């Protein structure tokens, strides 16, 4: 199992102002808080599988006051420099319903 505790991640290609999440982990329990970019504040809570994949729910409040919630499954890829790249499949609920894919990379 990958230990995500204390690792920081942000979206690939969005620069240093993008939302940055700090992950915490205890056993298979995973949680994080994030802010930056258009996200005033966000959090996620979920589980880490033995293969390092993640399954979690998330919420966030954007600059315009929108409240977003959804779920995500992330698959890790170990990069040559030792960092982790997470391939995400996400789904948003409610008024902002959408689905898609994204990538977030570990920031050192």
Protein backbone atom coordinates (compact mmCIF):
# COMPACT_ATOMS: atom_id res chain seq x y z
CA UNK A 1 0.00 0.00 0.00
CA UNK A 2 1.18 3.51 -0.78
CA UNK A 3 1.46 5.78 2.26
CA UNK A 4 -0.18 9.07 1.26
CA UNK A 5 0.17 10.71 4.68
CA UNK A 6 1.66 14.20 4.35
CA UNK A 7 1.90 14.11 0.54
CA UNK A 8 0.68 17.17 -1.37
CA UNK A 9 -1.04 17.06 -4.78
CA UNK A 10 -2.26 19.60 -7.35
CA UNK A 11 -3.75 19.38 -10.87
CA UNK A 12 -1.27 18.72 -13.68
CA UNK A 13 -0.50 21.78 -15.81
CA UNK A 14 -2.28 24.39 -13.67
CA UNK A 15 0.77 25.97 -12.02
CA UNK A 16 1.49 26.96 -8.43
CA UNK A 17 -1.82 28.85 -7.95
CA UNK A 18 -3.88 25.68 -8.55
CA UNK A 19 -5.70 24.03 -5.65
CA UNK A 20 -3.23 22.05 -3.56
CA UNK A 21 -4.37 19.21 -1.31
CA UNK A 22 -2.51 17.80 1.66
CA UNK A 23 -3.40 14.13 2.13
CA UNK A 24 -3.59 12.34 5.48
CA UNK A 25 -3.83 8.61 6.02
CA UNK A 26 -4.36 6.21 8.91
CA UNK A 27 -4.48 2.57 7.80
CA UNK A 28 -6.85 2.48 4.85
CA UNK A 29 -8.64 5.71 5.89
CA UNK A 30 -7.70 8.73 3.74
CA UNK A 31 -8.66 12.42 4.02
CA UNK A 32 -7.43 15.75 2.70
CA UNK A 33 -8.09 19.47 2.68
CA UNK A 34 -7.41 21.78 -0.25
CA UNK A 35 -7.67 25.38 -1.39
CA UNK A 36 -6.32 27.57 -4.16
CA UNK A 37 -7.27 28.52 -7.70
CA UNK A 38 -11.07 28.90 -7.79
CA UNK A 39 -11.56 26.68 -4.72
CA UNK A 40 -12.01 28.66 -1.52
CA UNK A 41 -11.98 25.44 0.47
CA UNK A 42 -12.47 21.74 -0.14
CA UNK A 43 -12.13 18.39 1.55
CA UNK A 44 -12.25 14.71 0.73
CA UNK A 45 -12.69 11.52 2.75
CA UNK A 46 -12.34 7.96 1.56
CA UNK A 47 -10.38 4.74 1.47
CA UNK A 48 -7.02 3.56 0.13
CA UNK A 49 -6.94 0.03 -1.34
CA UNK A 50 -3.92 -2.27 -0.96
CA UNK A 51 -2.86 -1.41 -4.55
CA UNK A 52 -2.78 2.32 -3.66
CA UNK A 53 -5.94 3.22 -5.54
CA UNK A 54 -8.24 5.68 -3.81
CA UNK A 55 -12.03 5.91 -3.56
CA UNK A 56 -13.46 9.02 -1.91
CA UNK A 57 -16.21 11.62 -1.68
CA UNK A 58 -15.39 15.33 -1.94
CA UNK A 59 -16.94 18.73 -1.31
CA UNK A 60 -15.76 22.24 -2.16
CA UNK A 61 -16.88 25.86 -2.17
CA UNK A 62 -15.80 27.88 -5.21
CA UNK A 63 -15.05 31.63 -5.47
CA UNK A 64 -18.53 32.32 -6.83
CA UNK A 65 -20.23 30.64 -3.87
CA UNK A 66 -21.07 27.39 -5.65
CA UNK A 67 -21.09 24.35 -3.38
CA UNK A 68 -19.85 21.26 -5.24
CA UNK A 69 -19.97 17.62 -4.14
CA UNK A 70 -19.01 14.40 -5.85
CA UNK A 71 -17.06 11.19 -5.81
CA UNK A 72 -13.76 10.09 -7.31
CA UNK A 73 -11.67 6.99 -7.98
CA UNK A 74 -7.92 7.61 -8.36
CA UNK A 75 -5.31 5.18 -9.73
CA UNK A 76 -1.66 5.87 -8.84
CA UNK A 77 1.30 5.86 -11.20
CA UNK A 78 4.83 6.04 -9.77
CA UNK A 79 6.93 8.51 -11.74
CA UNK A 80 10.65 8.08 -12.47
CA UNK A 81 11.53 10.78 -9.93
CA UNK A 82 9.63 8.93 -7.14
CA UNK A 83 6.58 11.20 -7.12
CA UNK A 84 3.04 9.92 -7.58
CA UNK A 85 0.71 10.84 -10.44
CA UNK A 86 -2.97 10.11 -9.73
CA UNK A 87 -5.31 9.37 -12.66
CA UNK A 88 -8.78 10.45 -11.51
CA UNK A 89 -12.27 9.48 -12.67
CA UNK A 90 -14.72 11.87 -11.01
CA UNK A 91 -18.42 12.57 -10.90
CA UNK A 92 -20.16 15.70 -9.58
CA UNK A 93 -23.72 15.71 -8.26
CA UNK A 94 -26.61 18.19 -8.14
CA UNK A 95 -26.84 21.49 -10.00
CA UNK A 96 -23.25 21.12 -11.20
CA UNK A 97 -23.57 17.50 -12.33
CA UNK A 98 -20.74 16.39 -14.59
CA UNK A 99 -18.27 13.55 -15.02
CA UNK A 100 -14.75 13.41 -16.33
CA UNK A 101 -11.13 12.52 -15.87
CA UNK A 102 -8.15 14.48 -14.62
CA UNK A 103 -4.65 14.02 -13.29
CA UNK A 104 -3.06 15.37 -10.15
CA UNK A 105 0.64 15.18 -9.36
CA UNK A 106 2.58 15.08 -6.15
CA UNK A 107 4.23 18.39 -5.26
CA UNK A 108 7.44 18.41 -3.27
